[in-house]
């Protein structure tokens, strides 16, 4: 395999920001044809329920299902998948699940309230969602880690019922995914996928109950369907290609950094892997490691395309400048492969997950460190956060006015309501004002 040339940028150049913008640009324009096709599927499922789900499942997954009950897997099937795992896999899955659950327990929001001097009580009530749908990619792809990361926080939050949908092309399921579903405490599993599964979860059918929120990754049809049902249900996010940004002071083994870049570049050709360093010679060394190690990778062609079209090696004058560039990029994954990551981290404002120190490979976060691997992409870390327990809880405001509180607040509300010409509002408050 011939050597690849990765884009080089220098933060001190006059047009660096323009060059960086061009590097980060990703065409997320909706495909109108896909949009229309998905909308037609959603409309059909809303109208015809189970019948439409069966029809699309048979057509797209090459199955011959006659009753929707054939799509549901029993709890015994999930338990059997777990019991049948090789010991090494079972132990790894259990370790990951335990760590994800332990981290999630720290995220739970609790209800609170306080009492004012006149006896009025104000507060916030935290309530879990009643029912959540989890989409899991199927077929040859096996993402048990995705099952754990989406399901366990929902269960920790106290979600009443968790329904997983997973495509089963030709009726084939993945034992590791089903084992993860068992371990996560998922309540019901249906072997269906695509836009029809999203529509069924959003609107419900005769057999599949409607959910309050849909989470989990999927292809362009699934992502488009999630966009179109948003509002009827909540969704986690519309994720773009995977990203990694590494800031290195030039003292980490360049082979390590090259492989860390590969770890995200291997996802797909549109994934983005960027390295920032204060040392130009170190950037050269990492590029040499990339070309040395690339032929050893199973997904070498995907990595090569990703690094050639969307990757970059960026030279900066100091680590503070590196943090400035990182905050512009607002990456999904940020590695601080430096001597003092705690100090550098203070300058980071926008990142989905921050991996601190030379020994913290991003891949650990993907599987078993504990924090969630469902993270904001495409610079959305500027305003959004990783998936967590809080995504499966909602807040209700509590207001309990004392007689004195109603009197005092009623006078204020009356003035403001009349200022907005909302007389009924004003009089409703005034009825509770003390009269002499």
Protein backbone atom coordinates (compact mmCIF):
# COMPACT_ATOMS: atom_id res chain seq x y z
CA UNK A 1 0.00 0.00 0.00
CA UNK A 2 1.41 3.39 -1.00
CA UNK A 3 2.06 6.04 1.62
CA UNK A 4 -0.71 8.52 2.27
CA UNK A 5 -0.38 12.25 2.59
CA UNK A 6 -2.47 13.79 5.33
CA UNK A 7 -3.50 17.44 5.23
CA UNK A 8 -1.07 19.68 7.15
CA UNK A 9 -2.25 22.91 8.73
CA UNK A 10 -0.44 25.56 10.77
CA UNK A 11 -2.49 27.54 13.26
CA UNK A 12 -0.21 30.54 12.78
CA UNK A 13 -1.03 30.93 9.08
CA UNK A 14 -3.21 33.88 8.08
CA UNK A 15 -6.01 31.78 6.59
CA UNK A 16 -5.96 28.96 9.17
CA UNK A 17 -9.60 29.43 10.23
CA UNK A 18 -10.79 29.20 6.63
CA UNK A 19 -8.72 26.07 6.08
CA UNK A 20 -10.05 24.56 9.32
CA UNK A 21 -13.64 25.34 8.32
CA UNK A 22 -13.09 23.58 5.00
CA UNK A 23 -11.65 20.56 6.80
CA UNK A 24 -14.56 20.33 9.21
CA UNK A 25 -17.26 20.88 6.59
CA UNK A 26 -19.44 17.85 6.12
CA UNK A 27 -22.41 17.76 3.76
CA UNK A 28 -25.36 16.75 5.90
CA UNK A 29 -27.92 17.88 3.33
CA UNK A 30 -31.03 15.75 3.40
CA UNK A 31 -31.56 13.47 0.45
CA UNK A 32 -35.06 14.43 -0.71
CA UNK A 33 -35.71 11.00 -2.20
CA UNK A 34 -34.80 9.27 1.09
CA UNK A 35 -36.89 11.81 3.00
CA UNK A 36 -39.95 11.09 0.84
CA UNK A 37 -39.46 7.32 1.01
CA UNK A 38 -39.16 7.39 4.80
CA UNK A 39 -42.19 9.65 5.15
CA UNK A 40 -44.23 7.20 3.07
CA UNK A 41 -43.18 4.32 5.33
CA UNK A 42 -44.06 6.28 8.48
CA UNK A 43 -47.47 7.19 7.04
CA UNK A 44 -48.15 3.58 6.11
CA UNK A 45 -47.20 2.28 9.58
CA UNK A 46 -49.39 4.93 11.23
CA UNK A 47 -52.32 3.86 9.05
CA UNK A 48 -51.87 0.10 8.86
CA UNK A 49 -49.94 -0.77 12.02
CA UNK A 50 -48.77 -4.36 12.38
CA UNK A 51 -49.63 -5.19 8.77
CA UNK A 52 -47.30 -2.49 7.41
CA UNK A 53 -44.50 -3.47 9.80
CA UNK A 54 -44.71 -7.09 8.63
CA UNK A 55 -44.75 -6.07 4.97
CA UNK A 56 -41.65 -3.85 5.22
CA UNK A 57 -39.79 -6.34 7.40
CA UNK A 58 -40.38 -9.12 4.88
CA UNK A 59 -39.38 -6.88 1.99
CA UNK A 60 -36.24 -5.27 3.41
CA UNK A 61 -34.97 -8.07 5.65
CA UNK A 62 -35.85 -10.93 3.28
CA UNK A 63 -38.11 -12.71 5.72
CA UNK A 64 -41.47 -14.51 5.49
CA UNK A 65 -43.17 -13.40 8.69
CA UNK A 66 -46.94 -13.87 8.84
CA UNK A 67 -47.71 -12.65 12.38
CA UNK A 68 -46.00 -9.82 14.21
CA UNK A 69 -45.69 -12.08 17.22
CA UNK A 70 -42.99 -13.91 15.22
CA UNK A 71 -40.86 -10.76 15.48
CA UNK A 72 -40.78 -10.70 19.28
CA UNK A 73 -38.06 -12.62 21.08
CA UNK A 74 -38.97 -14.24 24.38
CA UNK A 75 -37.05 -13.54 27.60
CA UNK A 76 -35.87 -17.15 27.42
CA UNK A 77 -34.14 -16.47 24.08
CA UNK A 78 -32.26 -13.53 25.60
CA UNK A 79 -31.28 -15.53 28.66
CA UNK A 80 -30.12 -18.42 26.48
CA UNK A 81 -27.92 -16.03 24.47
CA UNK A 82 -26.32 -14.83 27.70
CA UNK A 83 -25.83 -18.34 29.07
CA UNK A 84 -24.32 -19.49 25.79
CA UNK A 85 -21.56 -16.88 25.63
CA UNK A 86 -17.96 -18.02 25.96
CA UNK A 87 -16.70 -17.25 29.47
CA UNK A 88 -14.25 -14.59 28.30
CA UNK A 89 -16.93 -12.66 26.40
CA UNK A 90 -19.42 -12.97 29.23
CA UNK A 91 -16.89 -11.63 31.72
CA UNK A 92 -15.99 -8.69 29.47
CA UNK A 93 -19.65 -7.83 28.89
CA UNK A 94 -20.41 -8.09 32.61
CA UNK A 95 -17.44 -5.86 33.50
CA UNK A 96 -18.51 -3.23 30.97
CA UNK A 97 -22.13 -3.35 32.17
CA UNK A 98 -21.11 -2.98 35.82
CA UNK A 99 -18.90 0.02 35.05
CA UNK A 100 -21.52 1.76 32.89
CA UNK A 101 -24.11 1.21 35.64
CA UNK A 102 -21.81 2.50 38.39
CA UNK A 103 -21.11 5.69 36.43
CA UNK A 104 -24.78 6.15 35.57
CA UNK A 105 -25.77 5.93 39.23
CA UNK A 106 -23.86 9.16 39.83
CA UNK A 107 -25.92 10.96 37.17
CA UNK A 108 -29.37 10.50 38.67
CA UNK A 109 -31.20 13.74 39.28
CA UNK A 110 -33.18 13.96 42.50
CA UNK A 111 -36.30 15.94 43.33
CA UNK A 112 -35.86 19.00 45.53
CA UNK A 113 -37.89 21.77 47.12
CA UNK A 114 -37.57 24.71 49.49
CA UNK A 115 -39.96 26.72 51.64
CA UNK A 116 -40.12 30.49 51.57
CA UNK A 117 -40.66 32.65 54.63
CA UNK A 118 -44.44 32.93 54.09
CA UNK A 119 -44.84 29.17 53.76
CA UNK A 120 -44.91 28.95 49.95
CA UNK A 121 -43.15 25.82 48.70
CA UNK A 122 -41.27 25.73 45.41
CA UNK A 123 -39.45 22.76 43.95
CA UNK A 124 -38.76 20.35 41.16
CA UNK A 125 -40.05 16.81 40.76
CA UNK A 126 -37.98 14.27 38.82
CA UNK A 127 -39.88 11.54 36.98
CA UNK A 128 -38.54 8.78 34.71
CA UNK A 129 -39.98 8.32 31.23
CA UNK A 130 -42.69 5.67 31.06
CA UNK A 131 -41.42 3.80 28.02
CA UNK A 132 -38.34 4.11 25.78
CA UNK A 133 -37.44 2.54 22.43
CA UNK A 134 -33.86 1.49 21.70
CA UNK A 135 -32.76 1.02 18.10
CA UNK A 136 -29.81 -1.33 17.61
CA UNK A 137 -28.22 -1.94 14.18
CA UNK A 138 -28.51 -5.55 13.08
CA UNK A 139 -27.21 -7.94 10.45
CA UNK A 140 -23.51 -8.68 10.44
CA UNK A 141 -22.84 -5.66 12.63
CA UNK A 142 -22.66 -6.48 16.33
CA UNK A 143 -22.81 -3.56 18.74
CA UNK A 144 -23.37 -5.00 22.22
CA UNK A 145 -21.60 -1.95 23.66
CA UNK A 146 -24.28 0.26 22.13
CA UNK A 147 -26.96 -1.81 23.86
CA UNK A 148 -25.28 -1.33 27.24
CA UNK A 149 -24.68 2.40 26.75
CA UNK A 150 -28.28 3.12 25.76
CA UNK A 151 -30.17 0.68 27.96
CA UNK A 152 -28.40 0.85 31.30
CA UNK A 153 -28.81 4.62 31.87
CA UNK A 154 -32.50 4.24 31.01
CA UNK A 155 -32.87 1.50 33.59
CA UNK A 156 -30.92 3.46 36.21
CA UNK A 157 -33.26 6.39 35.54
CA UNK A 158 -36.21 4.14 36.35
CA UNK A 159 -37.78 3.88 32.89
CA UNK A 160 -40.83 1.66 33.23
CA UNK A 161 -40.45 -0.31 30.00
CA UNK A 162 -37.55 -0.53 27.58
CA UNK A 163 -38.27 -1.92 24.09
CA UNK A 164 -35.40 -2.85 21.79
CA UNK A 165 -35.73 -3.18 18.03
CA UNK A 166 -32.98 -4.83 16.01
CA UNK A 167 -33.11 -5.92 12.35
CA UNK A 168 -32.63 -9.61 11.67
CA UNK A 169 -31.85 -10.00 7.93
CA UNK A 170 -32.85 -13.49 6.78
CA UNK A 171 -33.92 -14.07 10.39
CA UNK A 172 -30.35 -13.97 11.69
CA UNK A 173 -29.67 -12.46 15.11
CA UNK A 174 -26.41 -11.73 16.93
CA UNK A 175 -25.98 -13.64 20.18
CA UNK A 176 -23.72 -11.00 21.73
CA UNK A 177 -26.32 -8.28 21.14
CA UNK A 178 -29.08 -10.44 22.64
CA UNK A 179 -26.88 -11.27 25.61
CA UNK A 180 -26.27 -7.55 26.16
CA UNK A 181 -30.04 -6.99 26.04
CA UNK A 182 -30.51 -9.62 28.74
CA UNK A 183 -27.74 -8.15 30.89
CA UNK A 184 -29.15 -4.63 30.53
CA UNK A 185 -32.63 -5.62 31.64
CA UNK A 186 -34.41 -4.80 28.39
CA UNK A 187 -38.08 -5.72 28.69
CA UNK A 188 -39.11 -6.57 25.11
CA UNK A 189 -37.15 -7.20 21.90
CA UNK A 190 -38.55 -7.09 18.36
CA UNK A 191 -36.48 -8.25 15.38
CA UNK A 192 -37.34 -5.42 13.04
CA UNK A 193 -35.49 -2.36 11.84
CA UNK A 194 -35.45 0.55 9.44
CA UNK A 195 -37.88 3.44 9.27
CA UNK A 196 -40.78 1.06 9.93
CA UNK A 197 -39.38 0.19 13.36
CA UNK A 198 -38.93 3.86 14.26
CA UNK A 199 -42.49 4.61 13.12
CA UNK A 200 -43.88 1.69 15.13
CA UNK A 201 -42.11 2.88 18.26
CA UNK A 202 -43.21 6.47 17.75
CA UNK A 203 -46.89 5.91 16.98
CA UNK A 204 -47.52 2.39 18.21
CA UNK A 205 -49.31 -0.45 16.45
CA UNK A 206 -51.81 -3.06 17.58
CA UNK A 207 -48.93 -5.00 19.13
CA UNK A 208 -46.10 -2.54 19.69
CA UNK A 209 -46.83 0.14 22.29
CA UNK A 210 -45.80 3.75 21.58
CA UNK A 211 -42.75 5.05 23.44
CA UNK A 212 -41.87 8.47 24.84
CA UNK A 213 -38.35 8.57 23.41
CA UNK A 214 -36.25 6.74 20.81
CA UNK A 215 -32.50 6.35 21.24
CA UNK A 216 -29.76 4.46 19.45
CA UNK A 217 -27.79 4.64 16.20
CA UNK A 218 -28.88 3.60 12.71
CA UNK A 219 -28.37 4.15 9.00
CA UNK A 220 -29.58 7.14 6.98
CA UNK A 221 -33.14 5.77 6.84
CA UNK A 222 -33.26 5.37 10.61
CA UNK A 223 -31.73 8.81 11.20
CA UNK A 224 -34.22 10.40 8.79
CA UNK A 225 -37.12 8.60 10.45
CA UNK A 226 -35.98 9.83 13.87
CA UNK A 227 -35.94 13.39 12.52
CA UNK A 228 -39.44 13.04 11.14
CA UNK A 229 -41.01 11.57 14.30
CA UNK A 230 -39.33 14.06 16.62
CA UNK A 231 -42.05 15.99 18.39
CA UNK A 232 -44.29 12.96 18.55
CA UNK A 233 -41.49 11.42 20.62
CA UNK A 234 -38.17 12.61 21.95
CA UNK A 235 -34.93 11.43 20.34
CA UNK A 236 -31.36 11.31 21.60
CA UNK A 237 -29.57 13.00 18.71
CA UNK A 238 -28.89 12.79 15.00
CA UNK A 239 -25.31 11.60 15.01
CA UNK A 240 -22.82 12.42 12.29
CA UNK A 241 -19.59 10.57 11.44
CA UNK A 242 -17.30 9.60 14.30
CA UNK A 243 -14.55 12.03 15.28
CA UNK A 244 -11.35 12.06 17.30
CA UNK A 245 -9.11 15.01 18.07
CA UNK A 246 -5.79 14.40 19.82
CA UNK A 247 -3.64 17.08 21.44
CA UNK A 248 -0.13 15.76 22.05
CA UNK A 249 2.97 17.45 23.45
CA UNK A 250 5.23 15.23 21.33
CA UNK A 251 6.21 12.84 24.10
CA UNK A 252 3.76 9.98 23.55
CA UNK A 253 4.84 6.97 21.49
CA UNK A 254 3.86 7.96 17.92
CA UNK A 255 2.61 4.42 17.21
CA UNK A 256 0.07 4.84 20.02
CA UNK A 257 -1.22 8.09 18.56
CA UNK A 258 -1.39 6.66 15.03
CA UNK A 259 -3.49 3.75 16.29
CA UNK A 260 -5.73 6.11 18.28
CA UNK A 261 -6.38 8.02 15.05
CA UNK A 262 -7.11 4.72 13.28
CA UNK A 263 -9.59 3.76 16.00
CA UNK A 264 -12.07 6.33 14.75
CA UNK A 265 -11.01 6.48 11.10
CA UNK A 266 -11.91 2.79 10.72
CA UNK A 267 -15.60 3.51 11.41
CA UNK A 268 -16.24 4.82 7.90
CA UNK A 269 -14.80 6.95 5.12
CA UNK A 270 -16.41 10.12 6.52
CA UNK A 271 -14.97 9.71 10.03
CA UNK A 272 -12.57 12.46 11.07
CA UNK A 273 -9.24 12.01 12.88
CA UNK A 274 -7.09 15.06 13.70
CA UNK A 275 -3.84 15.45 15.61
CA UNK A 276 -2.63 18.76 17.07
CA UNK A 277 0.92 19.16 18.34
CA UNK A 278 3.41 21.87 19.20
CA UNK A 279 6.20 19.81 17.61
CA UNK A 280 6.44 19.65 13.81
CA UNK A 281 8.97 16.81 13.98
CA UNK A 282 6.51 14.82 16.08
CA UNK A 283 3.79 15.29 13.46
CA UNK A 284 6.27 13.82 10.97
CA UNK A 285 6.91 10.89 13.29
CA UNK A 286 3.20 10.15 13.66
CA UNK A 287 2.75 10.32 9.89
CA UNK A 288 5.56 7.76 9.55
CA UNK A 289 3.82 5.55 12.11
CA UNK A 290 0.56 5.88 10.19
CA UNK A 291 2.17 4.68 6.97
CA UNK A 292 4.02 1.91 8.80
CA UNK A 293 0.96 0.56 10.62
CA UNK A 294 -1.72 1.11 7.99
CA UNK A 295 -0.93 -2.06 5.96
CA UNK A 296 -1.49 -4.14 9.12
CA UNK A 297 -5.09 -2.96 9.53
CA UNK A 298 -8.10 -5.02 8.42
CA UNK A 299 -9.98 -1.87 7.44
CA UNK A 300 -6.96 -0.21 5.83
CA UNK A 301 -8.83 1.17 2.81
CA UNK A 302 -11.51 2.82 4.95
CA UNK A 303 -8.84 4.30 7.24
CA UNK A 304 -6.85 5.55 4.27
CA UNK A 305 -9.86 7.29 2.74
CA UNK A 306 -10.87 8.83 6.05
CA UNK A 307 -7.41 10.18 6.83
CA UNK A 308 -6.81 11.40 3.27
CA UNK A 309 -10.10 13.23 2.83
CA UNK A 310 -10.95 14.41 6.35
CA UNK A 311 -7.88 13.88 8.52
CA UNK A 312 -5.28 16.51 9.45
CA UNK A 313 -2.06 17.14 11.31
CA UNK A 314 -2.08 20.62 12.84
CA UNK A 315 0.93 22.53 14.16
CA UNK A 316 0.35 25.03 16.98
CA UNK A 317 2.71 27.29 18.91
CA UNK A 318 1.73 26.11 22.41
CA UNK A 319 -0.82 24.00 24.26
CA UNK A 320 -3.07 26.97 24.99
CA UNK A 321 -3.35 27.52 21.24
CA UNK A 322 -4.13 23.81 20.88
CA UNK A 323 -7.01 24.22 23.34
CA UNK A 324 -8.29 27.19 21.33
CA UNK A 325 -8.38 25.08 18.17
CA UNK A 326 -10.05 22.22 20.05
CA UNK A 327 -12.79 24.56 21.24
CA UNK A 328 -13.46 25.62 17.66
CA UNK A 329 -13.67 21.99 16.51
CA UNK A 330 -15.76 20.90 19.55
CA UNK A 331 -14.96 17.23 18.88
CA UNK A 332 -16.87 14.11 19.82
CA UNK A 333 -13.75 12.54 21.37
CA UNK A 334 -10.78 14.59 22.64
CA UNK A 335 -7.56 12.99 23.82
CA UNK A 336 -5.20 15.14 25.91
CA UNK A 337 -2.03 13.10 25.48
CA UNK A 338 0.16 15.49 27.45
CA UNK A 339 2.23 15.60 30.64
CA UNK A 340 -0.33 17.62 32.62
CA UNK A 341 -3.81 16.92 31.22
CA UNK A 342 -5.61 18.36 34.27
CA UNK A 343 -4.21 21.84 33.62
CA UNK A 344 -4.90 21.69 29.90
CA UNK A 345 -8.42 20.41 30.55
CA UNK A 346 -9.26 23.68 32.33
CA UNK A 347 -9.02 25.42 28.94
CA UNK A 348 -11.33 22.96 27.17
CA UNK A 349 -14.93 24.16 26.91
CA UNK A 350 -16.39 22.04 24.11
CA UNK A 351 -15.93 18.26 23.79
CA UNK A 352 -18.19 15.24 24.03
CA UNK A 353 -15.73 13.20 26.08
CA UNK A 354 -12.22 14.11 27.25
CA UNK A 355 -9.63 11.35 27.58
CA UNK A 356 -6.86 12.54 29.86
CA UNK A 357 -3.23 11.42 29.82
CA UNK A 358 -1.05 9.20 27.67
CA UNK A 359 -2.56 5.93 28.87
CA UNK A 360 -6.20 6.78 28.22
CA UNK A 361 -7.06 5.43 24.78
CA UNK A 362 -10.39 6.63 23.39
CA UNK A 363 -11.31 3.00 22.72
CA UNK A 364 -11.64 2.40 26.47
CA UNK A 365 -14.48 4.90 26.51
CA UNK A 366 -16.18 3.11 23.63
CA UNK A 367 -16.49 -0.09 25.61
CA UNK A 368 -15.87 -0.21 29.29
CA UNK A 369 -14.52 2.88 31.06
CA UNK A 370 -18.00 3.78 32.31
CA UNK A 371 -19.01 7.15 30.78
CA UNK A 372 -21.41 6.91 27.87
CA UNK A 373 -20.10 6.50 24.34
CA UNK A 374 -23.17 8.14 22.77
CA UNK A 375 -21.68 11.60 22.20
CA UNK A 376 -22.41 14.81 20.28
CA UNK A 377 -20.75 15.01 16.85
CA UNK A 378 -20.31 17.65 14.12
CA UNK A 379 -19.39 20.40 16.62
CA UNK A 380 -22.68 19.99 18.50
CA UNK A 381 -20.65 19.57 21.70
CA UNK A 382 -20.86 23.37 21.73
CA UNK A 383 -24.40 23.00 23.07
CA UNK A 384 -25.12 19.35 23.83
CA UNK A 385 -23.91 16.57 26.09
CA UNK A 386 -23.29 12.81 26.18
CA UNK A 387 -26.28 10.52 26.59
CA UNK A 388 -26.95 9.93 30.26
CA UNK A 389 -29.48 9.08 32.92
CA UNK A 390 -30.79 12.66 32.72
CA UNK A 391 -31.98 11.94 29.14
CA UNK A 392 -34.44 9.42 30.55
CA UNK A 393 -35.72 11.65 33.33
CA UNK A 394 -37.92 14.71 33.08
CA UNK A 395 -38.52 17.63 35.40
CA UNK A 396 -41.81 19.03 36.66
CA UNK A 397 -41.95 22.35 38.52
CA UNK A 398 -43.69 22.37 41.91
CA UNK A 399 -45.53 25.44 43.24
CA UNK A 400 -47.56 25.32 46.45
CA UNK A 401 -48.64 28.80 47.55
CA UNK A 402 -49.51 29.57 51.12
CA UNK A 403 -52.37 32.02 51.74
CA UNK A 404 -49.86 34.80 52.36
CA UNK A 405 -47.84 33.78 49.32
CA UNK A 406 -50.92 33.86 47.08
CA UNK A 407 -51.66 37.37 48.33
CA UNK A 408 -48.17 38.69 47.65
CA UNK A 409 -47.62 36.93 44.34
CA UNK A 410 -51.18 37.66 43.21
CA UNK A 411 -50.55 41.41 43.34
CA UNK A 412 -47.39 41.09 41.24
CA UNK A 413 -49.03 38.72 38.76
CA UNK A 414 -52.06 41.02 38.43
CA UNK A 415 -49.94 44.00 37.45
CA UNK A 416 -47.95 42.01 34.89
CA UNK A 417 -51.02 40.26 33.45
CA UNK A 418 -52.91 43.53 32.97
CA UNK A 419 -49.80 44.94 31.34
CA UNK A 420 -50.15 42.14 28.78
CA UNK A 421 -53.92 42.72 28.46
CA UNK A 422 -54.65 39.23 29.78
CA UNK A 423 -57.50 40.09 32.09
CA UNK A 424 -58.51 36.54 33.01
CA UNK A 425 -54.97 35.88 34.15
CA UNK A 426 -55.10 38.98 36.33
CA UNK A 427 -58.51 38.23 37.84
CA UNK A 428 -57.57 34.60 38.51
CA UNK A 429 -54.69 35.86 40.64
CA UNK A 430 -56.76 38.67 42.18
CA UNK A 431 -59.40 36.26 43.50
CA UNK A 432 -56.78 34.97 45.91
CA UNK A 433 -55.64 38.39 47.13
CA UNK A 434 -56.73 39.21 50.67
CA UNK A 435 -59.46 41.82 50.87
CA UNK A 436 -59.79 44.10 53.86
